[in-house]
Amino acid sequence: MTANQRIVELRERIRVLEGIQPLGRRMLPFGLAALDRHLPGGGLPLGVLHEAFGGRRDPYAAAPTLFVAGIFARQSGPVLWCFERHDLFAPGLAGSR
């Protein structure tokens, strides 16, 4: 087995251990090739838990929340959203579809 084949095999094993790549898992690409090509499977796996967090003292702390909300607004189906403060306006999210 060549070194390249061994690396490919190890990457596949890591994906399985991370729960990212059982075959047939649906992925949600961001639609930005520069970002998607760096994510295992080309996007976020659907049906699993993801966390996005902005620091409280960061002036751009809302950016991860808005980014994730924009991504999941493109999807149908339930989304579990947990937060510390009431900083999302649910009618606004519902109207963004």
PDB file of N, CA and C in Angstrom:
ATOM      1  N   MET A   1       0.859  -1.175   0.000  1.00  0.00           N
ATOM      2  CA  MET A   1       0.000   0.000   0.000  1.00  0.00           C
ATOM      3  C   MET A   1       0.905   1.238   0.000  1.00  0.00           C
ATOM      4  N   THR A   2       0.590   2.185  -0.883  1.00  0.00           N
ATOM      5  CA  THR A   2       1.396   3.405  -0.955  1.00  0.00           C
ATOM      6  C   THR A   2       1.027   4.354   0.187  1.00  0.00           C
ATOM      7  N   ALA A   3       1.879   5.339   0.394  1.00  0.00           N
ATOM      8  CA  ALA A   3       1.624   6.333   1.447  1.00  0.00           C
ATOM      9  C   ALA A   3       0.323   7.091   1.165  1.00  0.00           C
ATOM     10  N   ASN A   4       0.064   7.441  -0.098  1.00  0.00           N
ATOM     11  CA  ASN A   4      -1.164   8.160  -0.450  1.00  0.00           C
ATOM     12  C   ASN A   4      -2.406   7.312  -0.190  1.00  0.00           C
ATOM     13  N   GLN A   5      -2.336   6.032  -0.509  1.00  0.00           N
ATOM     14  CA  GLN A   5      -3.473   5.139  -0.246  1.00  0.00           C
ATOM     15  C   GLN A   5      -3.724   5.025   1.253  1.00  0.00           C
ATOM     16  N   ARG A   6      -2.661   4.959   2.007  1.00  0.00           N
ATOM     17  CA  ARG A   6      -2.796   4.865   3.466  1.00  0.00           C
ATOM     18  C   ARG A   6      -3.451   6.133   4.031  1.00  0.00           C
ATOM     19  N   ILE A   7      -3.068   7.299   3.527  1.00  0.00           N
ATOM     20  CA  ILE A   7      -3.659   8.568   3.979  1.00  0.00           C
ATOM     21  C   ILE A   7      -5.141   8.609   3.648  1.00  0.00           C
ATOM     22  N   VAL A   8      -5.514   8.185   2.451  1.00  0.00           N
ATOM     23  CA  VAL A   8      -6.927   8.153   2.065  1.00  0.00           C
ATOM     24  C   VAL A   8      -7.703   7.229   2.991  1.00  0.00           C
ATOM     25  N   GLU A   9      -7.144   6.065   3.277  1.00  0.00           N
ATOM     26  CA  GLU A   9      -7.793   5.109   4.175  1.00  0.00           C
ATOM     27  C   GLU A   9      -7.964   5.694   5.581  1.00  0.00           C
ATOM     28  N   LEU A  10      -6.929   6.344   6.086  1.00  0.00           N
ATOM     29  CA  LEU A  10      -7.014   6.952   7.419  1.00  0.00           C
ATOM     30  C   LEU A  10      -8.053   8.072   7.459  1.00  0.00           C
ATOM     31  N   ARG A  11      -8.124   8.877   6.421  1.00  0.00           N
ATOM     32  CA  ARG A  11      -9.132   9.946   6.372  1.00  0.00           C
ATOM     33  C   ARG A  11     -10.543   9.373   6.400  1.00  0.00           C
ATOM     34  N   GLU A  12     -10.761   8.286   5.674  1.00  0.00           N
ATOM     35  CA  GLU A  12     -12.076   7.651   5.676  1.00  0.00           C
ATOM     36  C   GLU A  12     -12.419   7.105   7.057  1.00  0.00           C
ATOM     37  N   ARG A  13     -11.452   6.513   7.718  1.00  0.00           N
ATOM     38  CA  ARG A  13     -11.693   5.988   9.066  1.00  0.00           C
ATOM     39  C   ARG A  13     -12.010   7.108  10.047  1.00  0.00           C
ATOM     40  N   ILE A  14     -11.321   8.233   9.918  1.00  0.00           N
ATOM     41  CA  ILE A  14     -11.587   9.388  10.783  1.00  0.00           C
ATOM     42  C   ILE A  14     -12.993   9.919  10.538  1.00  0.00           C
ATOM     43  N   ARG A  15     -13.406  10.002   9.279  1.00  0.00           N
ATOM     44  CA  ARG A  15     -14.758  10.481   8.968  1.00  0.00           C
ATOM     45  C   ARG A  15     -15.816   9.590   9.614  1.00  0.00           C
ATOM     46  N   VAL A  16     -15.602   8.303   9.563  1.00  0.00           N
ATOM     47  CA  VAL A  16     -16.553   7.376  10.177  1.00  0.00           C
ATOM     48  C   VAL A  16     -16.566   7.576  11.694  1.00  0.00           C
ATOM     49  N   LEU A  17     -15.392   7.707  12.302  1.00  0.00           N
ATOM     50  CA  LEU A  17     -15.320   7.922  13.753  1.00  0.00           C
ATOM     51  C   LEU A  17     -15.982   9.234  14.167  1.00  0.00           C
ATOM     52  N   GLU A  18     -15.858  10.264  13.336  1.00  0.00           N
ATOM     53  CA  GLU A  18     -16.477  11.559  13.632  1.00  0.00           C
ATOM     54  C   GLU A  18     -17.974  11.551  13.350  1.00  0.00           C
ATOM     55  N   GLY A  19     -18.455  10.504  12.728  1.00  0.00           N
ATOM     56  CA  GLY A  19     -19.872  10.447  12.397  1.00  0.00           C
ATOM     57  C   GLY A  19     -20.227  11.292  11.200  1.00  0.00           C
ATOM     58  N   ILE A  20     -19.250  11.689  10.436  1.00  0.00           N
ATOM     59  CA  ILE A  20     -19.492  12.581   9.306  1.00  0.00           C
ATOM     60  C   ILE A  20     -19.824  11.797   8.051  1.00  0.00           C
ATOM     61  N   GLN A  21     -19.254  10.649   7.879  1.00  0.00           N
ATOM     62  CA  GLN A  21     -19.316  10.024   6.586  1.00  0.00           C
ATOM     63  C   GLN A  21     -19.853   8.613   6.571  1.00  0.00           C
ATOM     64  N   PRO A  22     -20.871   8.215   7.295  1.00  0.00           N
ATOM     65  CA  PRO A  22     -21.411   6.979   6.796  1.00  0.00           C
ATOM     66  C   PRO A  22     -22.003   7.292   5.429  1.00  0.00           C
ATOM     67  N   LEU A  23     -21.795   6.425   4.504  1.00  0.00           N
ATOM     68  CA  LEU A  23     -22.292   6.686   3.150  1.00  0.00           C
ATOM     69  C   LEU A  23     -23.785   6.926   3.185  1.00  0.00           C
ATOM     70  N   GLY A  24     -24.225   7.855   2.395  1.00  0.00           N
ATOM     71  CA  GLY A  24     -25.640   8.169   2.321  1.00  0.00           C
ATOM     72  C   GLY A  24     -26.052   9.319   3.223  1.00  0.00           C
ATOM     73  N   ARG A  25     -25.163   9.808   4.063  1.00  0.00           N
ATOM     74  CA  ARG A  25     -25.501  10.950   4.921  1.00  0.00           C
ATOM     75  C   ARG A  25     -25.658  12.192   4.049  1.00  0.00           C
ATOM     76  N   ARG A  26     -26.729  12.905   4.268  1.00  0.00           N
ATOM     77  CA  ARG A  26     -26.963  14.124   3.493  1.00  0.00           C
ATOM     78  C   ARG A  26     -26.126  15.266   4.047  1.00  0.00           C
ATOM     79  N   MET A  27     -25.600  16.070   3.149  1.00  0.00           N
ATOM     80  CA  MET A  27     -24.758  17.195   3.530  1.00  0.00           C
ATOM     81  C   MET A  27     -25.424  18.493   3.084  1.00  0.00           C
ATOM     82  N   LEU A  28     -25.157  19.552   3.808  1.00  0.00           N
ATOM     83  CA  LEU A  28     -25.648  20.878   3.463  1.00  0.00           C
ATOM     84  C   LEU A  28     -24.453  21.748   3.117  1.00  0.00           C
ATOM     85  N   PRO A  29     -24.188  21.945   1.825  1.00  0.00           N
ATOM     86  CA  PRO A  29     -23.069  22.810   1.456  1.00  0.00           C
ATOM     87  C   PRO A  29     -23.428  24.275   1.705  1.00  0.00           C
ATOM     88  N   PHE A  30     -22.423  25.086   1.949  1.00  0.00           N
ATOM     89  CA  PHE A  30     -22.637  26.509   2.151  1.00  0.00           C
ATOM     90  C   PHE A  30     -22.845  27.225   0.819  1.00  0.00           C
ATOM     91  N   GLY A  31     -22.418  26.607  -0.264  1.00  0.00           N
ATOM     92  CA  GLY A  31     -22.542  27.242  -1.571  1.00  0.00           C
ATOM     93  C   GLY A  31     -21.366  28.151  -1.891  1.00  0.00           C
ATOM     94  N   LEU A  32     -20.330  28.084  -1.083  1.00  0.00           N
ATOM     95  CA  LEU A  32     -19.095  28.843  -1.306  1.00  0.00           C
ATOM     96  C   LEU A  32     -17.970  27.827  -1.464  1.00  0.00           C
ATOM     97  N   ALA A  33     -17.492  27.674  -2.675  1.00  0.00           N
ATOM     98  CA  ALA A  33     -16.480  26.651  -2.952  1.00  0.00           C
ATOM     99  C   ALA A  33     -15.261  26.808  -2.051  1.00  0.00           C
ATOM    100  N   ALA A  34     -14.860  28.048  -1.768  1.00  0.00           N
ATOM    101  CA  ALA A  34     -13.682  28.283  -0.932  1.00  0.00           C
ATOM    102  C   ALA A  34     -13.881  27.735   0.482  1.00  0.00           C
ATOM    103  N   LEU A  35     -15.108  27.664   0.941  1.00  0.00           N
ATOM    104  CA  LEU A  35     -15.404  27.120   2.269  1.00  0.00           C
ATOM    105  C   LEU A  35     -15.736  25.628   2.190  1.00  0.00           C
ATOM    106  N   ASP A  36     -16.609  25.256   1.263  1.00  0.00           N
ATOM    107  CA  ASP A  36     -17.073  23.873   1.160  1.00  0.00           C
ATOM    108  C   ASP A  36     -15.940  22.888   0.929  1.00  0.00           C
ATOM    109  N   ARG A  37     -14.927  23.264   0.189  1.00  0.00           N
ATOM    110  CA  ARG A  37     -13.847  22.313  -0.103  1.00  0.00           C
ATOM    111  C   ARG A  37     -13.005  21.975   1.122  1.00  0.00           C
ATOM    112  N   HIS A  38     -13.116  22.774   2.179  1.00  0.00           N
ATOM    113  CA  HIS A  38     -12.354  22.506   3.403  1.00  0.00           C
ATOM    114  C   HIS A  38     -13.152  21.710   4.423  1.00  0.00           C
ATOM    115  N   LEU A  39     -14.423  21.468   4.151  1.00  0.00           N
ATOM    116  CA  LEU A  39     -15.269  20.724   5.085  1.00  0.00           C
ATOM    117  C   LEU A  39     -15.351  19.263   4.667  1.00  0.00           C
ATOM    118  N   PRO A  40     -15.215  18.344   5.616  1.00  0.00           N
ATOM    119  CA  PRO A  40     -15.355  16.929   5.262  1.00  0.00           C
ATOM    120  C   PRO A  40     -16.734  16.687   4.657  1.00  0.00           C
ATOM    121  N   GLY A  41     -16.787  16.098   3.514  1.00  0.00           N
ATOM    122  CA  GLY A  41     -18.054  15.844   2.846  1.00  0.00           C
ATOM    123  C   GLY A  41     -18.585  17.036   2.081  1.00  0.00           C
ATOM    124  N   GLY A  42     -17.882  18.176   2.102  1.00  0.00           N
ATOM    125  CA  GLY A  42     -18.284  19.336   1.321  1.00  0.00           C
ATOM    126  C   GLY A  42     -19.365  20.201   1.947  1.00  0.00           C
ATOM    127  N   GLY A  43     -19.624  20.055   3.227  1.00  0.00           N
ATOM    128  CA  GLY A  43     -20.641  20.873   3.888  1.00  0.00           C
ATOM    129  C   GLY A  43     -20.894  20.372   5.289  1.00  0.00           C
ATOM    130  N   LEU A  44     -21.997  20.830   5.874  1.00  0.00           N
ATOM    131  CA  LEU A  44     -22.397  20.380   7.204  1.00  0.00           C
ATOM    132  C   LEU A  44     -23.271  19.140   7.069  1.00  0.00           C
ATOM    133  N   PRO A  45     -23.003  18.097   7.834  1.00  0.00           N
ATOM    134  CA  PRO A  45     -23.884  16.936   7.783  1.00  0.00           C
ATOM    135  C   PRO A  45     -25.235  17.275   8.412  1.00  0.00           C
ATOM    136  N   LEU A  46     -26.296  16.839   7.790  1.00  0.00           N
ATOM    137  CA  LEU A  46     -27.636  17.054   8.313  1.00  0.00           C
ATOM    138  C   LEU A  46     -27.979  15.945   9.294  1.00  0.00           C
ATOM    139  N   GLY A  47     -28.842  16.247  10.247  1.00  0.00           N
ATOM    140  CA  GLY A  47     -29.268  15.252  11.219  1.00  0.00           C
ATOM    141  C   GLY A  47     -28.312  15.074  12.378  1.00  0.00           C
ATOM    142  N   VAL A  48     -27.403  16.016  12.558  1.00  0.00           N
ATOM    143  CA  VAL A  48     -26.469  15.961  13.681  1.00  0.00           C
ATOM    144  C   VAL A  48     -26.443  17.330  14.367  1.00  0.00           C
ATOM    145  N   LEU A  49     -25.792  17.400  15.511  1.00  0.00           N
ATOM    146  CA  LEU A  49     -25.713  18.622  16.285  1.00  0.00           C
ATOM    147  C   LEU A  49     -24.543  19.480  15.825  1.00  0.00           C
ATOM    148  N   HIS A  50     -24.787  20.787  15.671  1.00  0.00           N
ATOM    149  CA  HIS A  50     -23.735  21.749  15.344  1.00  0.00           C
ATOM    150  C   HIS A  50     -23.798  22.866  16.376  1.00  0.00           C
ATOM    151  N   GLU A  51     -22.666  23.472  16.644  1.00  0.00           N
ATOM    152  CA  GLU A  51     -22.625  24.583  17.590  1.00  0.00           C
ATOM    153  C   GLU A  51     -21.967  25.781  16.927  1.00  0.00           C
ATOM    154  N   ALA A  52     -22.578  26.944  17.102  1.00  0.00           N
ATOM    155  CA  ALA A  52     -21.988  28.203  16.635  1.00  0.00           C
ATOM    156  C   ALA A  52     -22.019  29.159  17.812  1.00  0.00           C
ATOM    157  N   PHE A  53     -20.927  29.843  18.047  1.00  0.00           N
ATOM    158  CA  PHE A  53     -20.839  30.687  19.225  1.00  0.00           C
ATOM    159  C   PHE A  53     -20.009  31.916  18.910  1.00  0.00           C
ATOM    160  N   GLY A  54     -20.508  33.060  19.299  1.00  0.00           N
ATOM    161  CA  GLY A  54     -19.749  34.303  19.210  1.00  0.00           C
ATOM    162  C   GLY A  54     -19.438  34.789  20.611  1.00  0.00           C
ATOM    163  N   GLY A  55     -18.262  35.309  20.814  1.00  0.00           N
ATOM    164  CA  GLY A  55     -17.880  35.793  22.140  1.00  0.00           C
ATOM    165  C   GLY A  55     -18.745  36.964  22.577  1.00  0.00           C
ATOM    166  N   ARG A  56     -19.004  37.044  23.850  1.00  0.00           N
ATOM    167  CA  ARG A  56     -19.894  38.088  24.374  1.00  0.00           C
ATOM    168  C   ARG A  56     -19.330  39.482  24.200  1.00  0.00           C
ATOM    169  N   ARG A  57     -18.050  39.627  24.280  1.00  0.00           N
ATOM    170  CA  ARG A  57     -17.448  40.958  24.192  1.00  0.00           C
ATOM    171  C   ARG A  57     -16.983  41.292  22.782  1.00  0.00           C
ATOM    172  N   ASP A  58     -17.183  40.394  21.895  1.00  0.00           N
ATOM    173  CA  ASP A  58     -16.794  40.595  20.503  1.00  0.00           C
ATOM    174  C   ASP A  58     -17.838  41.467  19.820  1.00  0.00           C
ATOM    175  N   PRO A  59     -17.432  42.564  19.154  1.00  0.00           N
ATOM    176  CA  PRO A  59     -18.427  43.406  18.475  1.00  0.00           C
ATOM    177  C   PRO A  59     -19.136  42.681  17.329  1.00  0.00           C
ATOM    178  N   TYR A  60     -18.576  41.566  16.876  1.00  0.00           N
ATOM    179  CA  TYR A  60     -19.181  40.782  15.800  1.00  0.00           C
ATOM    180  C   TYR A  60     -19.780  39.485  16.325  1.00  0.00           C
ATOM    181  N   ALA A  61     -20.140  39.443  17.598  1.00  0.00           N
ATOM    182  CA  ALA A  61     -20.622  38.220  18.237  1.00  0.00           C
ATOM    183  C   ALA A  61     -21.876  37.670  17.570  1.00  0.00           C
ATOM    184  N   ALA A  62     -22.691  38.516  16.968  1.00  0.00           N
ATOM    185  CA  ALA A  62     -23.922  38.041  16.330  1.00  0.00           C
ATOM    186  C   ALA A  62     -23.651  37.378  14.985  1.00  0.00           C
ATOM    187  N   ALA A  63     -22.491  37.574  14.425  1.00  0.00           N
ATOM    188  CA  ALA A  63     -22.200  37.052  13.090  1.00  0.00           C
ATOM    189  C   ALA A  63     -22.381  35.537  12.980  1.00  0.00           C
ATOM    190  N   PRO A  64     -21.852  34.711  13.906  1.00  0.00           N
ATOM    191  CA  PRO A  64     -22.078  33.265  13.770  1.00  0.00           C
ATOM    192  C   PRO A  64     -23.558  32.901  13.823  1.00  0.00           C
ATOM    193  N   THR A  65     -24.311  33.577  14.696  1.00  0.00           N
ATOM    194  CA  THR A  65     -25.746  33.300  14.812  1.00  0.00           C
ATOM    195  C   THR A  65     -26.460  33.621  13.508  1.00  0.00           C
ATOM    196  N   LEU A  66     -26.183  34.773  12.949  1.00  0.00           N
ATOM    197  CA  LEU A  66     -26.827  35.173  11.697  1.00  0.00           C
ATOM    198  C   LEU A  66     -26.416  34.260  10.548  1.00  0.00           C
ATOM    199  N   PHE A  67     -25.155  33.869  10.526  1.00  0.00           N
ATOM    200  CA  PHE A  67     -24.657  32.991   9.474  1.00  0.00           C
ATOM    201  C   PHE A  67     -25.387  31.650   9.513  1.00  0.00           C
ATOM    202  N   VAL A  68     -25.463  31.056  10.706  1.00  0.00           N
ATOM    203  CA  VAL A  68     -26.120  29.759  10.850  1.00  0.00           C
ATOM    204  C   VAL A  68     -27.617  29.878  10.565  1.00  0.00           C
ATOM    205  N   ALA A  69     -28.252  30.932  11.056  1.00  0.00           N
ATOM    206  CA  ALA A  69     -29.680  31.124  10.789  1.00  0.00           C
ATOM    207  C   ALA A  69     -29.938  31.233   9.287  1.00  0.00           C
ATOM    208  N   GLY A  70     -29.063  31.924   8.574  1.00  0.00           N
ATOM    209  CA  GLY A  70     -29.212  32.045   7.122  1.00  0.00           C
ATOM    210  C   GLY A  70     -29.059  30.719   6.405  1.00  0.00           C
ATOM    211  N   ILE A  71     -28.137  29.900   6.877  1.00  0.00           N
ATOM    212  CA  ILE A  71     -27.928  28.585   6.263  1.00  0.00           C
ATOM    213  C   ILE A  71     -29.146  27.693   6.482  1.00  0.00           C
ATOM    214  N   PHE A  72     -29.617  27.629   7.723  1.00  0.00           N
ATOM    215  CA  PHE A  72     -30.725  26.732   8.022  1.00  0.00           C
ATOM    216  C   PHE A  72     -32.070  27.265   7.547  1.00  0.00           C
ATOM    217  N   ALA A  73     -32.168  28.542   7.241  1.00  0.00           N
ATOM    218  CA  ALA A  73     -33.408  29.088   6.682  1.00  0.00           C
ATOM    219  C   ALA A  73     -33.672  28.508   5.296  1.00  0.00           C
ATOM    220  N   ARG A  74     -32.634  27.985   4.651  1.00  0.00           N
ATOM    221  CA  ARG A  74     -32.796  27.382   3.323  1.00  0.00           C
ATOM    222  C   ARG A  74     -33.366  25.974   3.390  1.00  0.00           C
ATOM    223  N   GLN A  75     -33.471  25.422   4.587  1.00  0.00           N
ATOM    224  CA  GLN A  75     -33.881  24.033   4.734  1.00  0.00           C
ATOM    225  C   GLN A  75     -35.313  23.919   5.225  1.00  0.00           C
ATOM    226  N   SER A  76     -35.922  22.804   4.913  1.00  0.00           N
ATOM    227  CA  SER A  76     -37.224  22.501   5.504  1.00  0.00           C
ATOM    228  C   SER A  76     -36.985  21.512   6.637  1.00  0.00           C
ATOM    229  N   GLY A  77     -37.910  21.446   7.533  1.00  0.00           N
ATOM    230  CA  GLY A  77     -37.768  20.520   8.653  1.00  0.00           C
ATOM    231  C   GLY A  77     -37.399  21.246   9.921  1.00  0.00           C
ATOM    232  N   PRO A  78     -37.401  20.511  11.023  1.00  0.00           N
ATOM    233  CA  PRO A  78     -37.172  21.141  12.326  1.00  0.00           C
ATOM    234  C   PRO A  78     -35.710  21.510  12.550  1.00  0.00           C
ATOM    235  N   VAL A  79     -35.514  22.578  13.315  1.00  0.00           N
ATOM    236  CA  VAL A  79     -34.196  23.006  13.769  1.00  0.00           C
ATOM    237  C   VAL A  79     -34.317  23.263  15.262  1.00  0.00           C
ATOM    238  N   LEU A  80     -33.459  22.665  16.048  1.00  0.00           N
ATOM    239  CA  LEU A  80     -33.425  22.909  17.482  1.00  0.00           C
ATOM    240  C   LEU A  80     -32.482  24.074  17.723  1.00  0.00           C
ATOM    241  N   TRP A  81     -33.004  25.153  18.309  1.00  0.00           N
ATOM    242  CA  TRP A  81     -32.222  26.371  18.507  1.00  0.00           C
ATOM    243  C   TRP A  81     -32.167  26.654  20.000  1.00  0.00           C
ATOM    244  N   CYS A  82     -30.991  26.633  20.587  1.00  0.00           N
ATOM    245  CA  CYS A  82     -30.812  26.916  22.014  1.00  0.00           C
ATOM    246  C   CYS A  82     -29.984  28.187  22.144  1.00  0.00           C
ATOM    247  N   PHE A  83     -30.371  29.042  23.073  1.00  0.00           N
ATOM    248  CA  PHE A  83     -29.620  30.279  23.250  1.00  0.00           C
ATOM    249  C   PHE A  83     -29.693  30.741  24.696  1.00  0.00           C
ATOM    250  N   GLU A  84     -28.745  31.593  25.065  1.00  0.00           N
ATOM    251  CA  GLU A  84     -28.679  32.120  26.424  1.00  0.00           C
ATOM    252  C   GLU A  84     -29.645  33.270  26.647  1.00  0.00           C
ATOM    253  N   ARG A  85     -29.725  34.160  25.687  1.00  0.00           N
ATOM    254  CA  ARG A  85     -30.563  35.350  25.806  1.00  0.00           C
ATOM    255  C   ARG A  85     -31.618  35.316  24.721  1.00  0.00           C
ATOM    256  N   HIS A  86     -32.646  36.054  24.900  1.00  0.00           N
ATOM    257  CA  HIS A  86     -33.693  36.160  23.879  1.00  0.00           C
ATOM    258  C   HIS A  86     -33.253  37.188  22.840  1.00  0.00           C
ATOM    259  N   ASP A  87     -32.291  36.781  22.017  1.00  0.00           N
ATOM    260  CA  ASP A  87     -31.728  37.709  21.051  1.00  0.00           C
ATOM    261  C   ASP A  87     -32.142  37.430  19.613  1.00  0.00           C
ATOM    262  N   LEU A  88     -33.033  36.466  19.418  1.00  0.00           N
ATOM    263  CA  LEU A  88     -33.558  36.200  18.088  1.00  0.00           C
ATOM    264  C   LEU A  88     -35.028  36.592  18.058  1.00  0.00           C
ATOM    265  N   PHE A  89     -35.433  37.160  16.954  1.00  0.00           N
ATOM    266  CA  PHE A  89     -36.818  37.575  16.780  1.00  0.00           C
ATOM    267  C   PHE A  89     -37.503  36.530  15.901  1.00  0.00           C
ATOM    268  N   ALA A  90     -38.244  35.620  16.533  1.00  0.00           N
ATOM    269  CA  ALA A  90     -38.831  34.472  15.822  1.00  0.00           C
ATOM    270  C   ALA A  90     -39.679  34.875  14.628  1.00  0.00           C
ATOM    271  N   PRO A  91     -40.580  35.891  14.720  1.00  0.00           N
ATOM    272  CA  PRO A  91     -41.351  36.263  13.522  1.00  0.00           C
ATOM    273  C   PRO A  91     -40.455  36.701  12.356  1.00  0.00           C
ATOM    274  N   GLY A  92     -39.333  37.332  12.680  1.00  0.00           N
ATOM    275  CA  GLY A  92     -38.410  37.728  11.615  1.00  0.00           C
ATOM    276  C   GLY A  92     -37.776  36.528  10.944  1.00  0.00           C
ATOM    277  N   LEU A  93     -37.442  35.512  11.730  1.00  0.00           N
ATOM    278  CA  LEU A  93     -36.879  34.288  11.157  1.00  0.00           C
ATOM    279  C   LEU A  93     -37.911  33.570  10.304  1.00  0.00           C
ATOM    280  N   ALA A  94     -39.147  33.509  10.783  1.00  0.00           N
ATOM    281  CA  ALA A  94     -40.203  32.850  10.024  1.00  0.00           C
ATOM    282  C   ALA A  94     -40.475  33.579   8.723  1.00  0.00           C
ATOM    283  N   GLY A  95     -40.359  34.899   8.716  1.00  0.00           N
ATOM    284  CA  GLY A  95     -40.614  35.674   7.507  1.00  0.00           C
ATOM    285  C   GLY A  95     -39.498  35.650   6.515  1.00  0.00           C
ATOM    286  N   SER A  96     -38.344  35.067   6.880  1.00  0.00           N
ATOM    287  CA  SER A  96     -37.197  35.081   5.964  1.00  0.00           C
ATOM    288  C   SER A  96     -37.248  33.949   4.940  1.00  0.00           C
ATOM    289  N   ARG A  97     -38.251  33.115   4.995  1.00  0.00           N
ATOM    290  CA  ARG A  97     -38.333  31.987   4.069  1.00  0.00           C
ATOM    291  C   ARG A  97     -38.735  32.414   2.689  1.00  0.00           C
TER     292      ARG A  97
END
